[in-house]
C-alpha atoms as a PDB file:
ATOM      1  CA  UNK A   1       0.053  -0.021  -0.078  1.00  0.00           C
ATOM      2  CA  UNK A   2       1.238   3.494  -0.899  1.00  0.00           C
ATOM      3  CA  UNK A   3       2.506   5.285   2.219  1.00  0.00           C
ATOM      4  CA  UNK A   4       2.451   2.239   4.408  1.00  0.00           C
ATOM      5  CA  UNK A   5       5.582   0.375   5.685  1.00  0.00           C
ATOM      6  CA  UNK A   6       5.031  -3.084   7.184  1.00  0.00           C
ATOM      7  CA  UNK A   7       7.938  -3.925   9.428  1.00  0.00           C
ATOM      8  CA  UNK A   8       8.349  -7.650   8.973  1.00  0.00           C
ATOM      9  CA  UNK A   9      11.594  -8.110  10.930  1.00  0.00           C
ATOM     10  CA  UNK A  10      11.625 -11.648  12.466  1.00  0.00           C
ATOM     11  CA  UNK A  11      11.916 -10.417  16.023  1.00  0.00           C
ATOM     12  CA  UNK A  12       8.893  -8.094  15.539  1.00  0.00           C
ATOM     13  CA  UNK A  13       6.779 -10.953  13.991  1.00  0.00           C
ATOM     14  CA  UNK A  14       7.806 -13.418  16.796  1.00  0.00           C
ATOM     15  CA  UNK A  15       6.993 -11.066  19.557  1.00  0.00           C
ATOM     16  CA  UNK A  16       3.659  -9.976  17.940  1.00  0.00           C
ATOM     17  CA  UNK A  17       2.646 -13.683  17.670  1.00  0.00           C
ATOM     18  CA  UNK A  18       3.103 -14.084  21.451  1.00  0.00           C
ATOM     19  CA  UNK A  19       1.124 -10.862  22.035  1.00  0.00           C
ATOM     20  CA  UNK A  20      -1.771 -12.196  19.878  1.00  0.00           C
ATOM     21  CA  UNK A  21      -2.016 -15.382  21.998  1.00  0.00           C
ATOM     22  CA  UNK A  22      -4.900 -14.835  24.505  1.00  0.00           C
ATOM     23  CA  UNK A  23      -3.001 -16.853  27.172  1.00  0.00           C
ATOM     24  CA  UNK A  24      -0.259 -14.250  27.338  1.00  0.00           C
ATOM     25  CA  UNK A  25      -0.213 -12.431  30.723  1.00  0.00           C
ATOM     26  CA  UNK A  26      -0.805  -8.736  31.303  1.00  0.00           C
ATOM     27  CA  UNK A  27       2.734  -8.379  32.388  1.00  0.00           C
ATOM     28  CA  UNK A  28       4.010 -10.286  29.436  1.00  0.00           C
ATOM     29  CA  UNK A  29       1.861  -8.342  26.979  1.00  0.00           C
ATOM     30  CA  UNK A  30       3.042  -5.015  28.494  1.00  0.00           C
ATOM     31  CA  UNK A  31       6.735  -6.078  28.202  1.00  0.00           C
ATOM     32  CA  UNK A  32       6.400  -7.219  24.731  1.00  0.00           C
ATOM     33  CA  UNK A  33       4.681  -4.136  23.570  1.00  0.00           C
ATOM     34  CA  UNK A  34       7.532  -2.110  25.041  1.00  0.00           C
ATOM     35  CA  UNK A  35      10.120  -4.294  23.244  1.00  0.00           C
ATOM     36  CA  UNK A  36       8.301  -4.100  19.977  1.00  0.00           C
ATOM     37  CA  UNK A  37       8.027  -0.395  20.271  1.00  0.00           C
ATOM     38  CA  UNK A  38      11.832  -0.112  20.424  1.00  0.00           C
ATOM     39  CA  UNK A  39      12.086  -2.100  17.222  1.00  0.00           C
ATOM     40  CA  UNK A  40       9.381   0.019  15.463  1.00  0.00           C
ATOM     41  CA  UNK A  41      11.149   3.125  16.632  1.00  0.00           C
ATOM     42  CA  UNK A  42      14.363   1.906  14.976  1.00  0.00           C
ATOM     43  CA  UNK A  43      12.569   1.600  11.631  1.00  0.00           C
ATOM     44  CA  UNK A  44      10.547   4.833  11.835  1.00  0.00           C
ATOM     45  CA  UNK A  45      13.693   6.886  12.584  1.00  0.00           C
ATOM     46  CA  UNK A  46      15.821   5.203   9.969  1.00  0.00           C
ATOM     47  CA  UNK A  47      16.176   8.230   7.782  1.00  0.00           C
ATOM     48  CA  UNK A  48      16.977  10.913  10.458  1.00  0.00           C
ATOM     49  CA  UNK A  49      19.716  13.274   9.345  1.00  0.00           C
ATOM     50  CA  UNK A  50      23.261  12.833  10.563  1.00  0.00           C
ATOM     51  CA  UNK A  51      26.160  15.297  10.663  1.00  0.00           C
ATOM     52  CA  UNK A  52      29.835  14.896  11.472  1.00  0.00           C
ATOM     53  CA  UNK A  53      31.309  16.111  14.618  1.00  0.00           C
ATOM     54  CA  UNK A  54      34.811  15.908  16.005  1.00  0.00           C
ATOM     55  CA  UNK A  55      35.438  13.698  18.945  1.00  0.00           C
ATOM     56  CA  UNK A  56      38.356  12.176  20.578  1.00  0.00           C
ATOM     57  CA  UNK A  57      38.449   8.340  21.126  1.00  0.00           C
ATOM     58  CA  UNK A  58      40.987   6.847  23.566  1.00  0.00           C
ATOM     59  CA  UNK A  59      43.260   6.463  20.533  1.00  0.00           C
ATOM     60  CA  UNK A  60      42.797   9.480  18.224  1.00  0.00           C
ATOM     61  CA  UNK A  61      40.638  12.336  17.058  1.00  0.00           C
ATOM     62  CA  UNK A  62      37.984  11.503  14.474  1.00  0.00           C
ATOM     63  CA  UNK A  63      34.926  12.864  12.713  1.00  0.00           C
ATOM     64  CA  UNK A  64      31.877  10.886  13.862  1.00  0.00           C
ATOM     65  CA  UNK A  65      28.265  10.926  12.967  1.00  0.00           C
ATOM     66  CA  UNK A  66      25.656  12.355  15.254  1.00  0.00           C
ATOM     67  CA  UNK A  67      21.879  13.277  14.934  1.00  0.00           C
ATOM     68  CA  UNK A  68      21.259  16.613  13.490  1.00  0.00           C
ATOM     69  CA  UNK A  69      18.249  18.527  12.218  1.00  0.00           C
ATOM     70  CA  UNK A  70      14.836  18.261  13.713  1.00  0.00           C
ATOM     71  CA  UNK A  71      14.318  16.870  17.194  1.00  0.00           C
ATOM     72  CA  UNK A  72      11.497  14.422  17.968  1.00  0.00           C
ATOM     73  CA  UNK A  73       8.108  14.583  19.510  1.00  0.00           C
ATOM     74  CA  UNK A  74       6.402  11.232  20.382  1.00  0.00           C
ATOM     75  CA  UNK A  75       2.651  11.786  20.558  1.00  0.00           C
ATOM     76  CA  UNK A  76       0.794   9.145  22.525  1.00  0.00           C
ATOM     77  CA  UNK A  77      -2.864   8.485  21.776  1.00  0.00           C
ATOM     78  CA  UNK A  78      -4.058   7.667  25.295  1.00  0.00           C
ATOM     79  CA  UNK A  79      -4.286   5.313  26.887  1.00  0.00           C
ATOM     80  CA  UNK A  80      -2.794   2.366  24.895  1.00  0.00           C
ATOM     81  CA  UNK A  81      -0.318   4.544  23.152  1.00  0.00           C
ATOM     82  CA  UNK A  82       1.710   4.819  26.266  1.00  0.00           C
ATOM     83  CA  UNK A  83       2.673   1.232  25.804  1.00  0.00           C
ATOM     84  CA  UNK A  84       4.540   2.117  22.627  1.00  0.00           C
ATOM     85  CA  UNK A  85       5.676   5.401  24.056  1.00  0.00           C
ATOM     86  CA  UNK A  86       7.715   3.836  26.883  1.00  0.00           C
ATOM     87  CA  UNK A  87       9.602   1.668  24.486  1.00  0.00           C
ATOM     88  CA  UNK A  88      10.450   4.547  22.116  1.00  0.00           C
ATOM     89  CA  UNK A  89      11.628   6.717  24.978  1.00  0.00           C
ATOM     90  CA  UNK A  90      14.008   3.935  25.964  1.00  0.00           C
ATOM     91  CA  UNK A  91      15.628   4.496  22.591  1.00  0.00           C
ATOM     92  CA  UNK A  92      15.303   8.302  22.376  1.00  0.00           C
ATOM     93  CA  UNK A  93      15.071   9.519  25.948  1.00  0.00           C
ATOM     94  CA  UNK A  94      15.584  13.143  24.952  1.00  0.00           C
ATOM     95  CA  UNK A  95      12.384  13.230  22.854  1.00  0.00           C
ATOM     96  CA  UNK A  96       9.554  15.519  23.861  1.00  0.00           C
ATOM     97  CA  UNK A  97       6.185  13.989  24.570  1.00  0.00           C
ATOM     98  CA  UNK A  98       2.607  14.963  23.558  1.00  0.00           C
ATOM     99  CA  UNK A  99      -0.538  13.263  24.885  1.00  0.00           C
ATOM    100  CA  UNK A 100      -3.766  13.067  23.020  1.00  0.00           C
ATOM    101  CA  UNK A 101      -6.592  11.679  25.065  1.00  0.00           C
ATOM    102  CA  UNK A 102      -9.337  10.079  22.988  1.00  0.00           C
ATOM    103  CA  UNK A 103     -11.858   7.331  23.655  1.00  0.00           C
ATOM    104  CA  UNK A 104     -14.038   5.587  21.106  1.00  0.00           C
ATOM    105  CA  UNK A 105     -17.807   5.948  21.606  1.00  0.00           C
ATOM    106  CA  UNK A 106     -19.082   2.379  21.851  1.00  0.00           C
ATOM    107  CA  UNK A 107     -22.180   3.181  19.797  1.00  0.00           C
ATOM    108  CA  UNK A 108     -20.902   5.519  17.084  1.00  0.00           C
ATOM    109  CA  UNK A 109     -17.210   4.413  17.164  1.00  0.00           C
ATOM    110  CA  UNK A 110     -16.340   8.143  16.766  1.00  0.00           C
ATOM    111  CA  UNK A 111     -13.421   9.570  18.603  1.00  0.00           C
ATOM    112  CA  UNK A 112     -14.158  11.817  21.611  1.00  0.00           C
ATOM    113  CA  UNK A 113     -11.315  14.023  22.970  1.00  0.00           C
ATOM    114  CA  UNK A 114     -10.867  14.374  26.714  1.00  0.00           C
ATOM    115  CA  UNK A 115      -7.260  15.547  27.005  1.00  0.00           C
ATOM    116  CA  UNK A 116      -4.539  17.259  24.922  1.00  0.00           C
ATOM    117  CA  UNK A 117      -1.038  18.450  25.799  1.00  0.00           C
ATOM    118  CA  UNK A 118       1.767  19.080  23.347  1.00  0.00           C
ATOM    119  CA  UNK A 119       5.202  20.968  23.315  1.00  0.00           C
ATOM    120  CA  UNK A 120       4.992  24.587  22.267  1.00  0.00           C
ATOM    121  CA  UNK A 121       7.733  23.996  19.606  1.00  0.00           C
ATOM    122  CA  UNK A 122       6.055  21.076  17.933  1.00  0.00           C
ATOM    123  CA  UNK A 123       6.104  22.863  14.598  1.00  0.00           C
ATOM    124  CA  UNK A 124       9.944  22.658  14.696  1.00  0.00           C
ATOM    125  CA  UNK A 125      10.033  18.848  15.438  1.00  0.00           C
ATOM    126  CA  UNK A 126       9.305  15.599  13.699  1.00  0.00           C
ATOM    127  CA  UNK A 127       6.207  14.201  15.366  1.00  0.00           C
ATOM    128  CA  UNK A 128       5.782  10.494  15.617  1.00  0.00           C
ATOM    129  CA  UNK A 129       2.219   9.499  16.618  1.00  0.00           C
ATOM    130  CA  UNK A 130       1.895   6.188  18.484  1.00  0.00           C
ATOM    131  CA  UNK A 131      -1.275   4.002  18.984  1.00  0.00           C
ATOM    132  CA  UNK A 132      -1.167   0.155  18.970  1.00  0.00           C
ATOM    133  CA  UNK A 133      -4.258  -0.341  16.824  1.00  0.00           C
ATOM    134  CA  UNK A 134      -5.342   1.282  13.573  1.00  0.00           C
ATOM    135  CA  UNK A 135      -8.881  -0.173  13.325  1.00  0.00           C
ATOM    136  CA  UNK A 136     -11.580   2.312  12.216  1.00  0.00           C
ATOM    137  CA  UNK A 137      -8.843   5.024  12.243  1.00  0.00           C
ATOM    138  CA  UNK A 138     -11.295   7.469  13.846  1.00  0.00           C
ATOM    139  CA  UNK A 139      -8.938   8.028  16.893  1.00  0.00           C
ATOM    140  CA  UNK A 140      -5.854   8.221  14.696  1.00  0.00           C
ATOM    141  CA  UNK A 141      -7.456  10.663  12.206  1.00  0.00           C
ATOM    142  CA  UNK A 142      -8.655  12.868  15.063  1.00  0.00           C
ATOM    143  CA  UNK A 143      -5.288  12.789  16.872  1.00  0.00           C
ATOM    144  CA  UNK A 144      -3.287  13.797  13.815  1.00  0.00           C
ATOM    145  CA  UNK A 145      -5.833  16.537  13.015  1.00  0.00           C
ATOM    146  CA  UNK A 146      -5.450  17.928  16.551  1.00  0.00           C
ATOM    147  CA  UNK A 147      -1.681  17.877  16.351  1.00  0.00           C
ATOM    148  CA  UNK A 148      -1.753  19.599  12.951  1.00  0.00           C
ATOM    149  CA  UNK A 149      -4.000  22.301  14.504  1.00  0.00           C
ATOM    150  CA  UNK A 150      -1.365  22.822  17.167  1.00  0.00           C
ATOM    151  CA  UNK A 151       1.269  23.371  14.458  1.00  0.00           C
ATOM    152  CA  UNK A 152       2.816  19.927  13.785  1.00  0.00           C
ATOM    153  CA  UNK A 153       3.983  19.903  10.164  1.00  0.00           C
ATOM    154  CA  UNK A 154       5.962  16.632   9.694  1.00  0.00           C
ATOM    155  CA  UNK A 155       4.209  13.592  11.171  1.00  0.00           C
ATOM    156  CA  UNK A 156       4.466   9.845  11.040  1.00  0.00           C
ATOM    157  CA  UNK A 157       2.070   7.317  12.450  1.00  0.00           C
ATOM    158  CA  UNK A 158       3.251   4.077  14.207  1.00  0.00           C
ATOM    159  CA  UNK A 159       0.920   1.204  15.213  1.00  0.00           C
ATOM    160  CA  UNK A 160       1.318  -2.436  16.097  1.00  0.00           C
ATOM    161  CA  UNK A 161      -1.658  -3.726  14.041  1.00  0.00           C
ATOM    162  CA  UNK A 162      -3.754  -2.077  11.202  1.00  0.00           C
ATOM    163  CA  UNK A 163      -6.932  -3.089   9.374  1.00  0.00           C
ATOM    164  CA  UNK A 164      -7.278  -2.476   5.676  1.00  0.00           C
ATOM    165  CA  UNK A 165     -10.316  -0.267   6.451  1.00  0.00           C
ATOM    166  CA  UNK A 166      -8.340   1.854   8.918  1.00  0.00           C
ATOM    167  CA  UNK A 167      -5.381   2.267   6.520  1.00  0.00           C
ATOM    168  CA  UNK A 168      -7.731   3.408   3.645  1.00  0.00           C
ATOM    169  CA  UNK A 169      -9.399   5.886   5.915  1.00  0.00           C
ATOM    170  CA  UNK A 170      -6.400   7.331   7.450  1.00  0.00           C
ATOM    171  CA  UNK A 171      -4.574   7.648   4.052  1.00  0.00           C
ATOM    172  CA  UNK A 172      -7.676   9.403   2.698  1.00  0.00           C
ATOM    173  CA  UNK A 173      -7.769  11.976   5.463  1.00  0.00           C
ATOM    174  CA  UNK A 174      -3.955  12.423   5.921  1.00  0.00           C
ATOM    175  CA  UNK A 175      -2.110  11.371   2.743  1.00  0.00           C
ATOM    176  CA  UNK A 176       0.852  13.259   3.915  1.00  0.00           C
ATOM    177  CA  UNK A 177       1.426  11.179   7.046  1.00  0.00           C
ATOM    178  CA  UNK A 178       3.176   7.766   6.392  1.00  0.00           C
ATOM    179  CA  UNK A 179       2.137   4.638   8.326  1.00  0.00           C
ATOM    180  CA  UNK A 180       4.453   2.201   9.942  1.00  0.00           C
ATOM    181  CA  UNK A 181       2.903  -1.027  11.318  1.00  0.00           C
ATOM    182  CA  UNK A 182       4.047  -4.641  12.226  1.00  0.00           C
ATOM    183  CA  UNK A 183       1.111  -6.159  10.441  1.00  0.00           C
ATOM    184  CA  UNK A 184      -2.058  -5.498   8.363  1.00  0.00           C
ATOM    185  CA  UNK A 185      -4.760  -7.992   9.412  1.00  0.00           C
ATOM    186  CA  UNK A 186      -7.726  -9.275   7.516  1.00  0.00           C
ATOM    187  CA  UNK A 187     -10.605  -6.941   8.413  1.00  0.00           C
ATOM    188  CA  UNK A 188     -12.706  -5.233  11.027  1.00  0.00           C
ATOM    189  CA  UNK A 189     -15.580  -7.100  12.705  1.00  0.00           C
ATOM    190  CA  UNK A 190     -19.084  -5.701  13.333  1.00  0.00           C
ATOM    191  CA  UNK A 191     -17.912  -4.098  16.593  1.00  0.00           C
ATOM    192  CA  UNK A 192     -14.948  -2.370  14.919  1.00  0.00           C
ATOM    193  CA  UNK A 193     -12.305  -4.643  16.265  1.00  0.00           C
ATOM    194  CA  UNK A 194      -9.361  -5.882  14.149  1.00  0.00           C
ATOM    195  CA  UNK A 195      -9.507  -9.557  13.221  1.00  0.00           C
ATOM    196  CA  UNK A 196      -7.701 -11.863  13.915  1.00  0.00           C
ATOM    197  CA  UNK A 197      -6.087  -9.078  15.936  1.00  0.00           C
ATOM    198  CA  UNK A 198      -5.108  -9.303  19.556  1.00  0.00           C
ATOM    199  CA  UNK A 199      -8.142  -7.948  21.292  1.00  0.00           C
ATOM    200  CA  UNK A 200      -8.204  -4.586  23.060  1.00  0.00           C
ATOM    201  CA  UNK A 201      -4.655  -3.487  23.468  1.00  0.00           C
ATOM    202  CA  UNK A 202      -5.370  -1.054  26.353  1.00  0.00           C
ATOM    203  CA  UNK A 203      -7.323  -3.741  28.293  1.00  0.00           C
ATOM    204  CA  UNK A 204      -4.591  -6.260  27.738  1.00  0.00           C
ATOM    205  CA  UNK A 205      -1.897  -3.934  28.682  1.00  0.00           C
ATOM    206  CA  UNK A 206      -3.549  -2.714  31.916  1.00  0.00           C
ATOM    207  CA  UNK A 207      -5.647  -5.782  32.904  1.00  0.00           C
ATOM    208  CA  UNK A 208      -8.974  -4.017  32.510  1.00  0.00           C
ATOM    209  CA  UNK A 209     -12.225  -4.742  30.617  1.00  0.00           C
END
């Protein structure tokens, strides 16, 4: 699909399979999500710009590459996005963090905002939006729209699982925002859940229903 990168690294796929298993514990699910987030972060930041700087090793002076250009903002779509956020911060601890609080109305499946907080300089940073599931895409579309209203100009969206319907909707609303995911599953069911999927990521991560 245009604008969509499926990260099929063997470690990602192995960990995702364990997460899909309904017998995986809450603690195990949470740990695996954090580990996969680090691997997804590795891929979504693959093209960050580098510049050379002079350093001294124990043996000699050299020109060595370091990150340059735009700094990062990780934007977590609450609450499940925090599971990906923690793993990404492990890899890039200096990144700023935005939070977009949205819940899905159980009847209409539309996204309802209840919280928003983002860095003032978000316009000058690459914003990576994180949410484990891209199902109907209602929450993802609303989150990206809110971040754009705040000034975000360069955005990427990272999820663990996506449905074809969600990908189509998101790309239709935000064709300028690339999607990075570990898998695109078969479809949505009548309740708007991804199948075969892994259930509700937030509930499985926090042990709630």
